[in-house]
Amino acid sequence: MSLIVVDQNLTEEMYRFTRDNLALQKIAYIFASYPIFLLPIALVWLVWQKTSRWVAVKIFIGAIFTWQVMSKLAGEFFYTQFGFRDRPFAFAGIKELLLEQPQKAFPSDHAAVLLFVTCALFYYRQKTWAWIFLVATVLSSIARVAIGFHFVGDILGGWLIGVIGFGLLVALDRPLQRLLEKIWNLVSRKKYQSTNAPETS
């Protein structure tokens, strides 16, 4: 039995729980769609706290890179090499909130970004947010399969990309911190100079 067949069978088993139950579909839809919107809330909170502002900026940069670069490159590679794979049960007519990409099943961007953020929050010792995101990642990942947005393999691929993105963040943490501080110092200096420049008549 090939991995593709195993993946399809697991997905079918998870989808079966919500297929004929409208109430479960609604619950799964909520957990599949909304947890990603915790990210801007968490980032605003971290920026608001003076001690974690750089953490918020680094997590934001890493999340964007994981989503817009790593996830897209992985998707393009697998679609080019192995062919197109639509969402497993897209024909059911359920549309994703705001971020619908019906042409793309692999990998799960939500799984990639949520796991990346979870790992980063634990790394930067933001434990309250980290545990919130861990729960959100697990629930969202299960729900996205149960509602028919993704195959199990899409979620696992997203998790792998999230872990790789986190590894890059750890490896580049200090250089990134120095770069951000240099940029901030340059911007602050120019702003100070323009504000305090002598007026000429």
N, C-alpha and C. Protein backbone atom coordinates (compact mmCIF):
# COMPACT_ATOMS: atom_id res chain seq x y z
N MET A 1 0.85 -1.20 0.00
CA MET A 1 0.00 0.00 0.00
C MET A 1 0.88 1.25 0.00
N SER A 2 0.67 2.15 -0.96
CA SER A 2 1.50 3.34 -1.09
C SER A 2 1.14 4.38 -0.02
N LEU A 3 2.06 5.33 0.17
CA LEU A 3 1.81 6.40 1.14
C LEU A 3 0.62 7.25 0.73
N ILE A 4 0.43 7.43 -0.57
CA ILE A 4 -0.70 8.22 -1.05
C ILE A 4 -2.02 7.56 -0.65
N VAL A 5 -2.08 6.24 -0.79
CA VAL A 5 -3.30 5.50 -0.44
C VAL A 5 -3.55 5.57 1.06
N VAL A 6 -2.48 5.40 1.85
CA VAL A 6 -2.60 5.51 3.32
C VAL A 6 -3.10 6.89 3.69
N ASP A 7 -2.53 7.91 3.05
CA ASP A 7 -2.92 9.30 3.30
C ASP A 7 -4.40 9.50 2.99
N GLN A 8 -4.84 9.00 1.86
CA GLN A 8 -6.25 9.14 1.46
C GLN A 8 -7.18 8.40 2.41
N ASN A 9 -6.77 7.21 2.85
CA ASN A 9 -7.61 6.43 3.77
C ASN A 9 -7.74 7.12 5.13
N LEU A 10 -6.63 7.64 5.65
CA LEU A 10 -6.67 8.36 6.93
C LEU A 10 -7.55 9.60 6.83
N THR A 11 -7.41 10.30 5.72
CA THR A 11 -8.22 11.50 5.51
C THR A 11 -9.70 11.16 5.45
N GLU A 12 -10.02 10.10 4.74
CA GLU A 12 -11.41 9.66 4.62
C GLU A 12 -11.99 9.30 5.99
N GLU A 13 -11.19 8.63 6.82
CA GLU A 13 -11.66 8.24 8.16
C GLU A 13 -11.95 9.46 9.02
N MET A 14 -11.08 10.47 8.95
CA MET A 14 -11.28 11.69 9.74
C MET A 14 -12.44 12.51 9.21
N TYR A 15 -12.59 12.53 7.89
CA TYR A 15 -13.68 13.30 7.28
C TYR A 15 -15.03 12.68 7.59
N ARG A 16 -15.04 11.38 7.79
CA ARG A 16 -16.29 10.66 8.04
C ARG A 16 -17.01 11.17 9.29
N PHE A 17 -16.26 11.68 10.26
CA PHE A 17 -16.87 12.16 11.50
C PHE A 17 -17.77 13.38 11.28
N THR A 18 -17.44 14.21 10.30
CA THR A 18 -18.21 15.43 10.09
C THR A 18 -19.08 15.39 8.84
N ARG A 19 -18.88 14.38 8.01
CA ARG A 19 -19.53 14.36 6.70
C ARG A 19 -21.05 14.44 6.78
N ASP A 20 -21.64 13.74 7.73
CA ASP A 20 -23.09 13.67 7.82
C ASP A 20 -23.65 14.38 9.05
N ASN A 21 -22.83 15.20 9.70
CA ASN A 21 -23.26 15.87 10.92
C ASN A 21 -23.02 17.37 10.78
N LEU A 22 -24.08 18.12 10.57
CA LEU A 22 -23.96 19.56 10.32
C LEU A 22 -23.37 20.29 11.53
N ALA A 23 -23.76 19.88 12.73
CA ALA A 23 -23.24 20.54 13.93
C ALA A 23 -21.73 20.36 14.05
N LEU A 24 -21.25 19.13 13.81
CA LEU A 24 -19.81 18.88 13.86
C LEU A 24 -19.08 19.62 12.75
N GLN A 25 -19.72 19.75 11.60
CA GLN A 25 -19.13 20.51 10.50
C GLN A 25 -18.90 21.96 10.90
N LYS A 26 -19.88 22.54 11.57
CA LYS A 26 -19.76 23.93 11.99
C LYS A 26 -18.63 24.10 13.01
N ILE A 27 -18.55 23.16 13.96
CA ILE A 27 -17.49 23.22 14.97
C ILE A 27 -16.13 23.06 14.31
N ALA A 28 -16.02 22.07 13.41
CA ALA A 28 -14.76 21.83 12.72
C ALA A 28 -14.36 23.03 11.88
N TYR A 29 -15.35 23.67 11.26
CA TYR A 29 -15.07 24.84 10.43
C TYR A 29 -14.48 25.98 11.26
N ILE A 30 -15.02 26.18 12.46
CA ILE A 30 -14.51 27.22 13.35
C ILE A 30 -13.05 26.96 13.69
N PHE A 31 -12.75 25.71 14.10
CA PHE A 31 -11.37 25.39 14.48
C PHE A 31 -10.44 25.32 13.28
N ALA A 32 -10.98 25.04 12.11
CA ALA A 32 -10.15 24.99 10.90
C ALA A 32 -9.78 26.37 10.40
N SER A 33 -10.66 27.34 10.61
CA SER A 33 -10.50 28.65 9.97
C SER A 33 -9.98 29.76 10.89
N TYR A 34 -10.39 29.76 12.15
CA TYR A 34 -10.16 30.93 12.99
C TYR A 34 -8.84 30.97 13.77
N PRO A 35 -8.23 29.84 14.16
CA PRO A 35 -7.02 29.94 14.99
C PRO A 35 -5.88 30.75 14.38
N ILE A 36 -5.78 30.81 13.06
CA ILE A 36 -4.69 31.58 12.44
C ILE A 36 -4.80 33.06 12.78
N PHE A 37 -6.00 33.53 13.11
CA PHE A 37 -6.19 34.94 13.43
C PHE A 37 -5.73 35.27 14.86
N LEU A 38 -5.28 34.25 15.59
CA LEU A 38 -4.62 34.52 16.87
C LEU A 38 -3.27 35.19 16.66
N LEU A 39 -2.67 34.96 15.49
CA LEU A 39 -1.32 35.49 15.24
C LEU A 39 -1.25 37.01 15.33
N PRO A 40 -2.08 37.77 14.61
CA PRO A 40 -2.00 39.23 14.76
C PRO A 40 -2.30 39.70 16.18
N ILE A 41 -3.20 39.01 16.87
CA ILE A 41 -3.51 39.38 18.26
C ILE A 41 -2.28 39.20 19.14
N ALA A 42 -1.61 38.04 18.98
CA ALA A 42 -0.42 37.76 19.77
C ALA A 42 0.70 38.75 19.46
N LEU A 43 0.87 39.06 18.18
CA LEU A 43 1.95 39.98 17.80
C LEU A 43 1.71 41.38 18.35
N VAL A 44 0.47 41.85 18.29
CA VAL A 44 0.14 43.17 18.86
C VAL A 44 0.42 43.17 20.37
N TRP A 45 0.04 42.09 21.04
CA TRP A 45 0.29 42.00 22.48
C TRP A 45 1.79 42.03 22.79
N LEU A 46 2.57 41.28 22.02
CA LEU A 46 4.01 41.23 22.25
C LEU A 46 4.68 42.57 21.95
N VAL A 47 4.21 43.26 20.92
CA VAL A 47 4.75 44.59 20.60
C VAL A 47 4.41 45.57 21.71
N TRP A 48 3.24 45.42 22.29
CA TRP A 48 2.80 46.31 23.37
C TRP A 48 3.70 46.20 24.59
N GLN A 49 4.25 45.00 24.82
CA GLN A 49 5.17 44.79 25.93
C GLN A 49 6.59 45.16 25.49
N LYS A 50 7.21 46.08 26.17
CA LYS A 50 8.52 46.58 25.75
C LYS A 50 9.58 45.47 25.68
N THR A 51 9.50 44.49 26.57
CA THR A 51 10.52 43.45 26.63
C THR A 51 10.42 42.43 25.51
N SER A 52 9.32 42.44 24.77
CA SER A 52 9.14 41.41 23.74
C SER A 52 8.90 41.98 22.34
N ARG A 53 9.24 43.25 22.15
CA ARG A 53 8.98 43.87 20.84
C ARG A 53 9.81 43.24 19.73
N TRP A 54 11.09 43.00 20.01
CA TRP A 54 11.92 42.37 18.99
C TRP A 54 11.46 40.95 18.73
N VAL A 55 10.98 40.28 19.75
CA VAL A 55 10.44 38.92 19.58
C VAL A 55 9.29 38.94 18.58
N ALA A 56 8.40 39.91 18.74
CA ALA A 56 7.25 40.01 17.84
C ALA A 56 7.69 40.24 16.40
N VAL A 57 8.68 41.12 16.22
CA VAL A 57 9.16 41.41 14.87
C VAL A 57 9.79 40.17 14.24
N LYS A 58 10.59 39.45 15.00
CA LYS A 58 11.26 38.25 14.46
C LYS A 58 10.26 37.15 14.15
N ILE A 59 9.27 36.97 15.00
CA ILE A 59 8.24 35.97 14.73
C ILE A 59 7.43 36.35 13.48
N PHE A 60 7.14 37.64 13.35
CA PHE A 60 6.40 38.10 12.16
C PHE A 60 7.20 37.83 10.89
N ILE A 61 8.48 38.19 10.89
CA ILE A 61 9.33 37.95 9.71
C ILE A 61 9.42 36.46 9.41
N GLY A 62 9.62 35.66 10.45
CA GLY A 62 9.73 34.21 10.25
C GLY A 62 8.45 33.59 9.75
N ALA A 63 7.31 34.06 10.25
CA ALA A 63 6.01 33.53 9.82
C ALA A 63 5.76 33.86 8.35
N ILE A 64 6.07 35.11 7.95
CA ILE A 64 5.90 35.51 6.55
C ILE A 64 6.81 34.68 5.65
N PHE A 65 8.06 34.49 6.06
CA PHE A 65 9.01 33.70 5.27
C PHE A 65 8.55 32.25 5.15
N THR A 66 8.09 31.69 6.25
CA THR A 66 7.61 30.30 6.24
C THR A 66 6.42 30.15 5.31
N TRP A 67 5.53 31.11 5.35
CA TRP A 67 4.28 31.06 4.56
C TRP A 67 4.52 31.39 3.09
N GLN A 68 5.15 32.55 2.83
CA GLN A 68 5.23 33.05 1.47
C GLN A 68 6.42 32.51 0.67
N VAL A 69 7.42 31.99 1.34
CA VAL A 69 8.59 31.48 0.63
C VAL A 69 8.67 29.95 0.72
N MET A 70 8.84 29.43 1.93
CA MET A 70 9.06 28.00 2.08
C MET A 70 7.85 27.16 1.66
N SER A 71 6.68 27.56 2.13
CA SER A 71 5.47 26.80 1.81
C SER A 71 5.17 26.85 0.31
N LYS A 72 5.33 28.03 -0.29
CA LYS A 72 5.05 28.15 -1.72
C LYS A 72 6.06 27.38 -2.55
N LEU A 73 7.33 27.42 -2.18
CA LEU A 73 8.35 26.67 -2.92
C LEU A 73 8.09 25.17 -2.83
N ALA A 74 7.73 24.70 -1.64
CA ALA A 74 7.44 23.28 -1.47
C ALA A 74 6.23 22.88 -2.31
N GLY A 75 5.19 23.71 -2.29
CA GLY A 75 4.00 23.42 -3.08
C GLY A 75 4.30 23.37 -4.56
N GLU A 76 5.05 24.35 -5.06
CA GLU A 76 5.38 24.40 -6.48
C GLU A 76 6.22 23.19 -6.88
N PHE A 77 7.16 22.80 -6.02
CA PHE A 77 8.00 21.64 -6.33
C PHE A 77 7.17 20.36 -6.44
N PHE A 78 6.32 20.11 -5.45
CA PHE A 78 5.55 18.87 -5.46
C PHE A 78 4.50 18.86 -6.57
N TYR A 79 3.90 20.02 -6.85
CA TYR A 79 2.93 20.06 -7.95
C TYR A 79 3.61 19.87 -9.29
N THR A 80 4.83 20.41 -9.44
CA THR A 80 5.56 20.25 -10.69
C THR A 80 6.03 18.82 -10.89
N GLN A 81 6.54 18.21 -9.80
CA GLN A 81 7.11 16.87 -9.90
C GLN A 81 6.07 15.76 -9.89
N PHE A 82 5.00 15.93 -9.12
CA PHE A 82 4.07 14.82 -8.91
C PHE A 82 2.64 15.12 -9.35
N GLY A 83 2.41 16.30 -9.88
CA GLY A 83 1.09 16.59 -10.41
C GLY A 83 0.19 17.31 -9.42
N PHE A 84 -0.90 17.78 -9.93
CA PHE A 84 -1.84 18.59 -9.16
C PHE A 84 -2.66 17.73 -8.20
N ARG A 85 -2.87 18.23 -6.99
CA ARG A 85 -3.75 17.56 -6.04
C ARG A 85 -4.65 18.60 -5.39
N ASP A 86 -5.92 18.55 -5.72
CA ASP A 86 -6.88 19.52 -5.19
C ASP A 86 -7.19 19.18 -3.74
N ARG A 87 -7.91 20.07 -3.09
CA ARG A 87 -8.36 19.77 -1.73
C ARG A 87 -9.23 18.52 -1.75
N PRO A 88 -9.15 17.70 -0.72
CA PRO A 88 -9.78 16.37 -0.79
C PRO A 88 -11.28 16.37 -1.00
N PHE A 89 -12.00 17.28 -0.33
CA PHE A 89 -13.45 17.26 -0.44
C PHE A 89 -13.97 18.65 -0.80
N ALA A 90 -13.24 19.32 -1.70
CA ALA A 90 -13.62 20.67 -2.09
C ALA A 90 -14.98 20.71 -2.77
N PHE A 91 -15.37 19.58 -3.35
CA PHE A 91 -16.65 19.55 -4.06
C PHE A 91 -17.83 19.71 -3.12
N ALA A 92 -17.62 19.56 -1.81
CA ALA A 92 -18.72 19.66 -0.85
C ALA A 92 -19.27 21.09 -0.77
N GLY A 93 -18.52 22.04 -1.28
CA GLY A 93 -19.02 23.41 -1.34
C GLY A 93 -18.66 24.27 -0.15
N ILE A 94 -17.88 23.74 0.80
CA ILE A 94 -17.48 24.51 1.98
C ILE A 94 -16.29 25.39 1.62
N LYS A 95 -16.42 26.68 1.83
CA LYS A 95 -15.36 27.62 1.48
C LYS A 95 -14.62 28.07 2.73
N GLU A 96 -13.32 28.23 2.59
CA GLU A 96 -12.50 28.67 3.71
C GLU A 96 -12.66 30.17 3.93
N LEU A 97 -12.56 30.58 5.19
CA LEU A 97 -12.72 31.99 5.54
C LEU A 97 -11.52 32.81 5.07
N LEU A 98 -11.74 33.74 4.16
CA LEU A 98 -10.80 34.76 3.70
C LEU A 98 -9.60 34.23 2.92
N LEU A 99 -9.01 33.12 3.33
CA LEU A 99 -7.74 32.70 2.76
C LEU A 99 -7.88 31.48 1.85
N GLU A 100 -9.01 31.33 1.21
CA GLU A 100 -9.26 30.17 0.38
C GLU A 100 -8.31 30.10 -0.81
N GLN A 101 -7.64 28.96 -0.99
CA GLN A 101 -6.81 28.70 -2.15
C GLN A 101 -7.22 27.34 -2.71
N PRO A 102 -8.31 27.27 -3.47
CA PRO A 102 -8.82 25.98 -3.91
C PRO A 102 -7.86 25.21 -4.80
N GLN A 103 -6.88 25.91 -5.40
CA GLN A 103 -5.95 25.25 -6.29
C GLN A 103 -4.81 24.59 -5.53
N LYS A 104 -4.76 24.74 -4.23
CA LYS A 104 -3.58 24.31 -3.48
C LYS A 104 -3.96 23.52 -2.24
N ALA A 105 -3.56 22.26 -2.21
CA ALA A 105 -3.80 21.45 -1.03
C ALA A 105 -2.52 21.25 -0.23
N PHE A 106 -1.42 20.98 -0.92
CA PHE A 106 -0.14 20.68 -0.25
C PHE A 106 0.83 21.85 -0.43
N PRO A 107 1.51 22.21 0.67
CA PRO A 107 1.29 21.84 2.07
C PRO A 107 0.25 22.75 2.70
N SER A 108 -0.13 22.45 3.93
CA SER A 108 -1.06 23.32 4.64
C SER A 108 -0.32 24.53 5.19
N ASP A 109 -0.65 25.71 4.65
CA ASP A 109 -0.03 26.95 5.14
C ASP A 109 -0.36 27.19 6.60
N HIS A 110 -1.62 26.90 6.97
CA HIS A 110 -2.04 27.11 8.36
C HIS A 110 -1.20 26.26 9.30
N ALA A 111 -1.02 25.00 8.96
CA ALA A 111 -0.23 24.10 9.82
C ALA A 111 1.21 24.57 9.91
N ALA A 112 1.78 25.01 8.79
CA ALA A 112 3.16 25.47 8.77
C ALA A 112 3.36 26.70 9.66
N VAL A 113 2.50 27.70 9.47
CA VAL A 113 2.65 28.95 10.20
C VAL A 113 2.35 28.76 11.69
N LEU A 114 1.28 28.04 12.00
CA LEU A 114 0.92 27.85 13.40
C LEU A 114 1.99 27.08 14.17
N LEU A 115 2.56 26.04 13.55
CA LEU A 115 3.60 25.29 14.26
C LEU A 115 4.87 26.11 14.37
N PHE A 116 5.21 26.86 13.34
CA PHE A 116 6.37 27.75 13.42
C PHE A 116 6.22 28.73 14.58
N VAL A 117 5.07 29.38 14.66
CA VAL A 117 4.83 30.36 15.71
C VAL A 117 4.87 29.70 17.09
N THR A 118 4.28 28.51 17.20
CA THR A 118 4.29 27.78 18.47
C THR A 118 5.72 27.52 18.93
N CYS A 119 6.55 26.98 18.04
CA CYS A 119 7.95 26.69 18.39
C CYS A 119 8.70 27.97 18.75
N ALA A 120 8.46 29.04 17.97
CA ALA A 120 9.15 30.31 18.24
C ALA A 120 8.76 30.88 19.59
N LEU A 121 7.48 30.78 19.93
CA LEU A 121 7.02 31.31 21.23
C LEU A 121 7.64 30.53 22.39
N PHE A 122 7.75 29.21 22.26
CA PHE A 122 8.43 28.44 23.30
C PHE A 122 9.91 28.83 23.37
N TYR A 123 10.53 29.02 22.22
CA TYR A 123 11.95 29.38 22.16
C TYR A 123 12.21 30.72 22.84
N TYR A 124 11.32 31.68 22.64
CA TYR A 124 11.48 33.01 23.24
C TYR A 124 10.82 33.10 24.62
N ARG A 125 10.40 31.98 25.15
CA ARG A 125 9.87 31.87 26.51
C ARG A 125 8.61 32.70 26.74
N GLN A 126 7.80 32.74 25.73
CA GLN A 126 6.47 33.36 25.86
C GLN A 126 5.48 32.22 26.11
N LYS A 127 5.55 31.66 27.31
CA LYS A 127 4.91 30.36 27.57
C LYS A 127 3.39 30.39 27.47
N THR A 128 2.77 31.46 27.95
CA THR A 128 1.31 31.51 27.88
C THR A 128 0.83 31.46 26.44
N TRP A 129 1.40 32.33 25.60
CA TRP A 129 1.03 32.33 24.19
C TRP A 129 1.44 31.03 23.51
N ALA A 130 2.58 30.48 23.92
CA ALA A 130 3.07 29.24 23.31
C ALA A 130 2.08 28.10 23.52
N TRP A 131 1.57 27.95 24.73
CA TRP A 131 0.60 26.87 25.00
C TRP A 131 -0.72 27.12 24.27
N ILE A 132 -1.12 28.38 24.18
CA ILE A 132 -2.34 28.71 23.42
C ILE A 132 -2.17 28.29 21.96
N PHE A 133 -1.02 28.62 21.40
CA PHE A 133 -0.78 28.29 19.99
C PHE A 133 -0.59 26.79 19.78
N LEU A 134 -0.03 26.09 20.76
CA LEU A 134 0.10 24.64 20.64
C LEU A 134 -1.27 23.98 20.53
N VAL A 135 -2.19 24.39 21.41
CA VAL A 135 -3.55 23.86 21.36
C VAL A 135 -4.22 24.25 20.05
N ALA A 136 -4.04 25.51 19.64
CA ALA A 136 -4.63 25.99 18.39
C ALA A 136 -4.09 25.22 17.18
N THR A 137 -2.80 24.92 17.20
CA THR A 137 -2.18 24.18 16.10
C THR A 137 -2.76 22.79 15.96
N VAL A 138 -2.87 22.09 17.10
CA VAL A 138 -3.39 20.72 17.08
C VAL A 138 -4.86 20.71 16.64
N LEU A 139 -5.67 21.56 17.25
CA LEU A 139 -7.10 21.60 16.91
C LEU A 139 -7.33 22.02 15.47
N SER A 140 -6.60 23.04 15.03
CA SER A 140 -6.75 23.52 13.66
C SER A 140 -6.34 22.45 12.66
N SER A 141 -5.24 21.76 12.93
CA SER A 141 -4.74 20.74 12.01
C SER A 141 -5.73 19.59 11.87
N ILE A 142 -6.27 19.13 13.00
CA ILE A 142 -7.26 18.05 12.96
C ILE A 142 -8.52 18.51 12.23
N ALA A 143 -8.96 19.72 12.56
CA ALA A 143 -10.20 20.24 11.98
C ALA A 143 -10.09 20.45 10.48
N ARG A 144 -8.91 20.84 10.00
CA ARG A 144 -8.74 21.10 8.57
C ARG A 144 -8.83 19.83 7.75
N VAL A 145 -8.47 18.71 8.37
CA VAL A 145 -8.67 17.42 7.70
C VAL A 145 -10.13 17.00 7.81
N ALA A 146 -10.70 17.16 9.02
CA ALA A 146 -12.08 16.72 9.26
C ALA A 146 -13.09 17.47 8.42
N ILE A 147 -12.79 18.73 8.08
CA ILE A 147 -13.74 19.54 7.31
C ILE A 147 -13.52 19.37 5.81
N GLY A 148 -12.39 18.78 5.43
CA GLY A 148 -12.13 18.54 4.02
C GLY A 148 -11.25 19.56 3.33
N PHE A 149 -10.57 20.41 4.10
CA PHE A 149 -9.67 21.39 3.50
C PHE A 149 -8.34 20.77 3.07
N HIS A 150 -7.91 19.73 3.80
CA HIS A 150 -6.59 19.15 3.54
C HIS A 150 -6.59 17.64 3.74
N PHE A 151 -5.63 16.99 3.10
CA PHE A 151 -5.28 15.61 3.41
C PHE A 151 -4.38 15.61 4.64
N VAL A 152 -4.27 14.45 5.29
CA VAL A 152 -3.37 14.32 6.44
C VAL A 152 -1.94 14.66 6.02
N GLY A 153 -1.54 14.21 4.82
CA GLY A 153 -0.19 14.50 4.33
C GLY A 153 0.09 15.97 4.17
N ASP A 154 -0.95 16.74 3.84
CA ASP A 154 -0.78 18.20 3.71
C ASP A 154 -0.43 18.82 5.06
N ILE A 155 -1.08 18.32 6.11
CA ILE A 155 -0.81 18.81 7.46
C ILE A 155 0.59 18.45 7.90
N LEU A 156 0.98 17.19 7.67
CA LEU A 156 2.33 16.75 8.06
C LEU A 156 3.39 17.53 7.30
N GLY A 157 3.13 17.78 6.01
CA GLY A 157 4.07 18.60 5.23
C GLY A 157 4.16 20.00 5.78
N GLY A 158 3.03 20.57 6.17
CA GLY A 158 3.03 21.90 6.77
C GLY A 158 3.80 21.92 8.08
N TRP A 159 3.60 20.90 8.90
CA TRP A 159 4.35 20.83 10.16
C TRP A 159 5.86 20.77 9.91
N LEU A 160 6.25 19.97 8.93
CA LEU A 160 7.68 19.85 8.62
C LEU A 160 8.25 21.20 8.19
N ILE A 161 7.52 21.91 7.36
CA ILE A 161 7.97 23.24 6.91
C ILE A 161 8.04 24.20 8.10
N GLY A 162 7.07 24.12 9.01
CA GLY A 162 7.10 24.96 10.20
C GLY A 162 8.32 24.70 11.06
N VAL A 163 8.69 23.43 11.21
CA VAL A 163 9.87 23.06 12.00
C VAL A 163 11.14 23.55 11.32
N ILE A 164 11.21 23.40 10.00
CA ILE A 164 12.39 23.87 9.27
C ILE A 164 12.50 25.40 9.38
N GLY A 165 11.36 26.08 9.23
CA GLY A 165 11.36 27.54 9.38
C GLY A 165 11.84 27.96 10.76
N PHE A 166 11.41 27.22 11.79
CA PHE A 166 11.85 27.51 13.15
C PHE A 166 13.34 27.28 13.30
N GLY A 167 13.85 26.20 12.69
CA GLY A 167 15.29 25.94 12.73
C GLY A 167 16.10 27.07 12.12
N LEU A 168 15.59 27.62 11.02
CA LEU A 168 16.26 28.76 10.39
C LEU A 168 16.23 29.99 11.30
N LEU A 169 15.11 30.19 11.99
CA LEU A 169 15.00 31.31 12.91
C LEU A 169 16.03 31.20 14.03
N VAL A 170 16.18 30.02 14.59
CA VAL A 170 17.15 29.80 15.66
C VAL A 170 18.56 30.05 15.15
N ALA A 171 18.85 29.52 13.95
CA ALA A 171 20.20 29.67 13.39
C ALA A 171 20.53 31.12 13.08
N LEU A 172 19.53 31.89 12.68
CA LEU A 172 19.76 33.27 12.26
C LEU A 172 19.31 34.29 13.31
N ASP A 173 19.00 33.83 14.51
CA ASP A 173 18.42 34.71 15.53
C ASP A 173 19.32 35.90 15.84
N ARG A 174 20.57 35.66 16.16
CA ARG A 174 21.47 36.76 16.54
C ARG A 174 21.78 37.69 15.38
N PRO A 175 22.13 37.17 14.18
CA PRO A 175 22.33 38.09 13.05
C PRO A 175 21.08 38.91 12.73
N LEU A 176 19.92 38.29 12.82
CA LEU A 176 18.67 39.01 12.55
C LEU A 176 18.44 40.10 13.58
N GLN A 177 18.74 39.79 14.84
CA GLN A 177 18.59 40.78 15.91
C GLN A 177 19.49 41.98 15.66
N ARG A 178 20.75 41.71 15.28
CA ARG A 178 21.69 42.81 15.01
C ARG A 178 21.23 43.64 13.82
N LEU A 179 20.74 42.98 12.78
CA LEU A 179 20.26 43.69 11.60
C LEU A 179 19.08 44.58 11.93
N LEU A 180 18.14 44.05 12.69
CA LEU A 180 16.96 44.83 13.07
C LEU A 180 17.34 46.04 13.92
N GLU A 181 18.29 45.84 14.83
CA GLU A 181 18.73 46.95 15.68
C GLU A 181 19.44 48.02 14.86
N LYS A 182 20.23 47.61 13.86
CA LYS A 182 20.90 48.59 13.00
C LYS A 182 19.87 49.39 12.20
N ILE A 183 18.90 48.69 11.65
CA ILE A 183 17.85 49.38 10.89
C ILE A 183 17.11 50.37 11.79
N TRP A 184 16.78 49.93 12.99
CA TRP A 184 16.05 50.80 13.92
C TRP A 184 16.89 52.02 14.29
N ASN A 185 18.19 51.82 14.52
CA ASN A 185 19.06 52.93 14.87
C ASN A 185 19.17 53.94 13.73
N LEU A 186 19.26 53.43 12.50
CA LEU A 186 19.32 54.32 11.34
C LEU A 186 18.04 55.13 11.19
N VAL A 187 16.92 54.45 11.32
CA VAL A 187 15.63 55.14 11.20
C VAL A 187 15.45 56.16 12.31
N SER A 188 15.82 55.78 13.53
CA SER A 188 15.68 56.69 14.68
C SER A 188 16.58 57.90 14.53
N ARG A 189 17.81 57.68 14.03
CA ARG A 189 18.75 58.78 13.86
C ARG A 189 18.25 59.77 12.80
N LYS A 190 17.75 59.23 11.68
CA LYS A 190 17.25 60.10 10.62
C LYS A 190 16.02 60.88 11.10
N LYS A 191 15.17 60.19 11.85
CA LYS A 191 13.98 60.86 12.38
C LYS A 191 14.37 61.97 13.35
N TYR A 192 15.37 61.68 14.19
CA TYR A 192 15.83 62.68 15.17
C TYR A 192 16.45 63.89 14.45
N GLN A 193 17.26 63.60 13.41
CA GLN A 193 17.90 64.68 12.69
C GLN A 193 16.90 65.56 11.94
N SER A 194 15.88 64.92 11.34
CA SER A 194 14.87 65.70 10.61
C SER A 194 14.01 66.52 11.57
N THR A 195 13.76 65.98 12.76
CA THR A 195 12.93 66.69 13.74
C THR A 195 13.66 67.88 14.33
N ASN A 196 14.99 67.72 14.53
CA ASN A 196 15.78 68.75 15.20
C ASN A 196 16.61 69.61 14.24
N ALA A 197 16.34 69.48 12.97
CA ALA A 197 17.07 70.30 11.99
C ALA A 197 16.72 71.79 12.19
N PRO A 198 17.72 72.68 12.12
CA PRO A 198 17.44 74.13 12.30
C PRO A 198 16.60 74.67 11.16
N GLU A 199 15.68 75.53 11.51
CA GLU A 199 14.82 76.13 10.51
C GLU A 199 15.57 77.25 9.78
N THR A 200 15.39 77.32 8.48
CA THR A 200 16.04 78.36 7.69
C THR A 200 14.98 79.25 7.08
N SER A 201 15.23 80.56 7.11
CA SER A 201 14.25 81.51 6.59
C SER A 201 14.71 82.04 5.25
